[in-house]
Amino acid sequence: MNTNPELDAFEQLLQRLALALTRQPLRAVEADLKLTRDQGQIAPTIVLRSIGSEPMAVVLVDPAQPTNVLRASVTLEGKMALPSGASMPMGLGTTNLTPNAVQELVQRGDMPAGVTELPAGATYKFALPPLKAPQATVPVSGTGTLQFWFPDGQARRGITLVTPEVPLP
């Protein structure tokens, strides 16, 4: 806040404009986690979605660099209530999409390799290996993580997306 009313009004206008622009991203992606319970197991799927109005250049898999392969993982966590009212997380399981599974997605044509322009609305689903359903007496939730790259030449910048926390079904 400014003491000058004109500058204050201009600053508030800029803040409203910045907020409006974040509601309509140009180049952006998001990740969601779906958890399905089936016969004592939890089957996690991470969904990567392009939400911008313009294509976003990324590298999900680089055939020339074996270390540049999309990484996907899901962690299940219990939340134990403490006497203070806070909660303490307890790791209850983790699963990862293997590099071989990622290569299979590329070979089937379900995921692009190399520098790729993700068009608006593009969606990729990554089904991870199932986890044994925890027998916990505390609330359990899952969080997914995706890692890939921006195509900035040899010095690529990594992107890490974390999904919102999802309660166990």
Protein backbone atom coordinates (compact mmCIF):
# COMPACT_ATOMS: atom_id res chain seq x y z
CA MET A 1 0.00 0.00 0.00
CA ASN A 2 1.15 3.46 -0.91
CA THR A 3 0.39 6.74 0.75
CA ASN A 4 -0.17 8.28 -2.68
CA PRO A 5 -3.77 7.38 -3.70
CA GLU A 6 -2.96 7.34 -7.43
CA LEU A 7 0.03 5.02 -6.98
CA ASP A 8 -2.00 2.86 -4.60
CA ALA A 9 -4.80 2.53 -7.17
CA PHE A 10 -2.26 1.68 -9.89
CA GLU A 11 -0.61 -0.93 -7.65
CA GLN A 12 -3.97 -2.52 -6.91
CA LEU A 13 -4.76 -2.57 -10.65
CA LEU A 14 -1.46 -4.36 -11.34
CA GLN A 15 -2.21 -6.90 -8.60
CA ARG A 16 -5.66 -7.61 -10.07
CA LEU A 17 -4.13 -7.97 -13.54
CA ALA A 18 -1.46 -10.40 -12.28
CA LEU A 19 -4.13 -12.45 -10.51
CA ALA A 20 -6.29 -12.55 -13.65
CA LEU A 21 -3.33 -13.72 -15.73
CA THR A 22 -2.63 -16.62 -13.36
CA ARG A 23 -6.19 -17.84 -13.97
CA GLN A 24 -5.44 -18.05 -17.71
CA PRO A 25 -1.91 -19.47 -18.06
CA LEU A 26 -0.21 -19.38 -21.45
CA ARG A 27 2.14 -22.36 -21.01
CA ALA A 28 1.47 -24.56 -18.01
CA VAL A 29 0.99 -28.16 -16.91
CA GLU A 30 -0.56 -29.78 -13.86
CA ALA A 31 -0.52 -33.25 -12.35
CA ASP A 32 -3.31 -35.13 -10.59
CA LEU A 33 -3.28 -38.42 -8.72
CA LYS A 34 -5.98 -41.08 -8.91
CA LEU A 35 -5.95 -43.92 -6.36
CA THR A 36 -8.06 -47.03 -6.91
CA ARG A 37 -8.51 -49.77 -4.32
CA ASP A 38 -8.78 -53.32 -5.70
CA GLN A 39 -8.38 -56.64 -3.85
CA GLY A 40 -6.16 -55.34 -1.06
CA GLN A 41 -4.02 -53.18 -3.34
CA ILE A 42 -3.89 -49.52 -4.25
CA ALA A 43 -3.43 -48.81 -7.97
CA PRO A 44 -2.05 -45.28 -8.49
CA THR A 45 -2.27 -43.32 -11.75
CA ILE A 46 -0.70 -39.90 -12.25
CA VAL A 47 -2.26 -37.72 -14.96
CA LEU A 48 -0.14 -35.01 -16.60
CA ARG A 49 -2.27 -32.37 -18.30
CA SER A 50 -1.36 -29.31 -20.36
CA ILE A 51 -3.56 -26.46 -19.08
CA GLY A 52 -2.09 -23.47 -20.89
CA SER A 53 -3.61 -21.79 -23.91
CA GLU A 54 -0.35 -22.22 -25.88
CA PRO A 55 1.86 -25.29 -26.38
CA MET A 56 4.60 -25.86 -23.81
CA ALA A 57 7.97 -27.28 -24.88
CA VAL A 58 9.21 -30.10 -22.61
CA VAL A 59 11.41 -33.19 -22.69
CA LEU A 60 9.68 -36.20 -21.14
CA VAL A 61 12.23 -38.67 -22.53
CA ASP A 62 15.50 -37.86 -24.30
CA PRO A 63 16.63 -40.80 -26.44
CA ALA A 64 20.16 -39.33 -26.61
CA GLN A 65 20.48 -39.02 -22.81
CA PRO A 66 19.57 -42.21 -20.91
CA THR A 67 19.38 -40.28 -17.63
CA ASN A 68 16.74 -37.90 -19.01
CA VAL A 69 13.74 -40.19 -18.60
CA LEU A 70 10.50 -39.09 -16.97
CA ARG A 71 10.31 -40.11 -13.33
CA ALA A 72 6.99 -40.80 -11.63
CA SER A 73 6.44 -41.90 -8.05
CA VAL A 74 3.65 -42.15 -5.50
CA THR A 75 4.05 -42.15 -1.73
CA LEU A 76 1.40 -43.24 0.77
CA GLU A 77 1.53 -41.52 4.14
CA GLY A 78 -0.37 -41.88 7.38
CA LYS A 79 -0.96 -38.91 9.67
CA MET A 80 -0.63 -39.71 13.34
CA ALA A 81 -2.19 -37.15 15.68
CA LEU A 82 0.11 -35.83 18.39
CA PRO A 83 -1.02 -34.66 21.86
CA SER A 84 -0.07 -31.10 20.87
CA GLY A 85 -2.75 -31.13 18.14
CA ALA A 86 -0.18 -31.34 15.33
CA SER A 87 0.24 -34.44 13.19
CA MET A 88 3.28 -36.52 12.33
CA PRO A 89 3.61 -38.15 8.89
CA MET A 90 4.40 -41.87 8.67
CA GLY A 91 5.62 -43.34 5.38
CA LEU A 92 3.49 -46.38 4.47
CA GLY A 93 4.68 -47.19 0.95
CA THR A 94 6.21 -45.91 -2.25
CA THR A 95 6.01 -47.03 -5.85
CA ASN A 96 7.88 -45.81 -8.94
CA LEU A 97 7.40 -46.02 -12.67
CA THR A 98 10.48 -47.88 -13.95
CA PRO A 99 12.60 -46.49 -16.80
CA ASN A 100 11.68 -49.64 -18.80
CA ALA A 101 7.96 -48.87 -18.33
CA VAL A 102 8.58 -45.31 -19.57
CA GLN A 103 10.42 -46.66 -22.64
CA GLU A 104 7.46 -48.98 -23.34
CA LEU A 105 5.12 -45.97 -23.28
CA VAL A 106 7.33 -44.27 -25.87
CA GLN A 107 7.55 -47.40 -28.05
CA ARG A 108 3.74 -47.80 -28.01
CA GLY A 109 3.32 -44.15 -28.99
CA ASP A 110 1.57 -43.27 -25.71
CA MET A 111 4.26 -40.71 -24.83
CA PRO A 112 6.52 -38.58 -27.07
CA ALA A 113 10.32 -38.68 -26.99
CA GLY A 114 12.68 -35.77 -27.51
CA VAL A 115 11.72 -32.11 -27.41
CA THR A 116 7.94 -32.03 -27.54
CA GLU A 117 5.39 -29.24 -27.73
CA LEU A 118 2.56 -30.25 -25.38
CA PRO A 119 -0.56 -28.76 -27.00
CA ALA A 120 -3.31 -27.22 -24.89
CA GLY A 121 -5.42 -30.00 -23.41
CA ALA A 122 -2.86 -32.78 -23.98
CA THR A 123 -3.12 -35.53 -21.35
CA TYR A 124 -0.74 -38.36 -20.46
CA LYS A 125 -1.59 -41.08 -17.94
CA PHE A 126 1.04 -42.99 -16.00
CA ALA A 127 -0.17 -46.15 -14.25
CA LEU A 128 2.33 -47.03 -11.54
CA PRO A 129 2.84 -50.48 -10.01
CA PRO A 130 0.24 -51.19 -7.30
CA LEU A 131 0.96 -50.88 -3.59
CA LYS A 132 -0.30 -53.16 -0.85
CA ALA A 133 -3.17 -51.35 0.86
CA PRO A 134 -1.93 -50.25 4.30
CA GLN A 135 -3.73 -51.59 7.37
CA ALA A 136 -3.42 -48.31 9.26
CA THR A 137 -5.68 -46.95 11.98
CA VAL A 138 -4.74 -43.38 11.01
CA PRO A 139 -5.90 -41.37 7.98
CA VAL A 140 -3.86 -42.31 4.90
CA SER A 141 -3.29 -40.23 1.78
CA GLY A 142 -1.14 -40.38 -1.33
CA THR A 143 0.98 -37.83 -3.15
CA GLY A 144 2.41 -38.21 -6.64
CA THR A 145 5.53 -36.68 -8.14
CA LEU A 146 6.53 -36.23 -11.80
CA GLN A 147 9.97 -35.09 -12.96
CA PHE A 148 10.93 -34.05 -16.50
CA TRP A 149 12.76 -31.18 -18.25
CA PHE A 150 12.53 -27.91 -20.14
CA PRO A 151 14.50 -28.21 -23.43
CA ASP A 152 17.20 -25.60 -22.72
CA GLY A 153 20.07 -27.07 -24.76
CA GLN A 154 22.70 -29.04 -22.84
CA ALA A 155 21.91 -27.36 -19.51
CA ARG A 156 18.33 -28.54 -19.18
CA ARG A 157 16.26 -27.28 -16.28
CA GLY A 158 14.28 -29.87 -14.39
CA ILE A 159 10.58 -29.63 -13.63
CA THR A 160 9.12 -31.33 -10.57
CA LEU A 161 5.34 -31.47 -10.24
CA VAL A 162 3.74 -32.61 -7.01
CA THR A 163 0.10 -33.65 -7.08
CA PRO A 164 -2.39 -32.51 -4.49
CA GLU A 165 -2.69 -34.93 -1.57
CA VAL A 166 -5.41 -37.54 -2.19
CA PRO A 167 -7.13 -39.50 0.62
CA LEU A 168 -7.00 -43.27 0.29
CA PRO A 169 -10.29 -44.65 -1.08
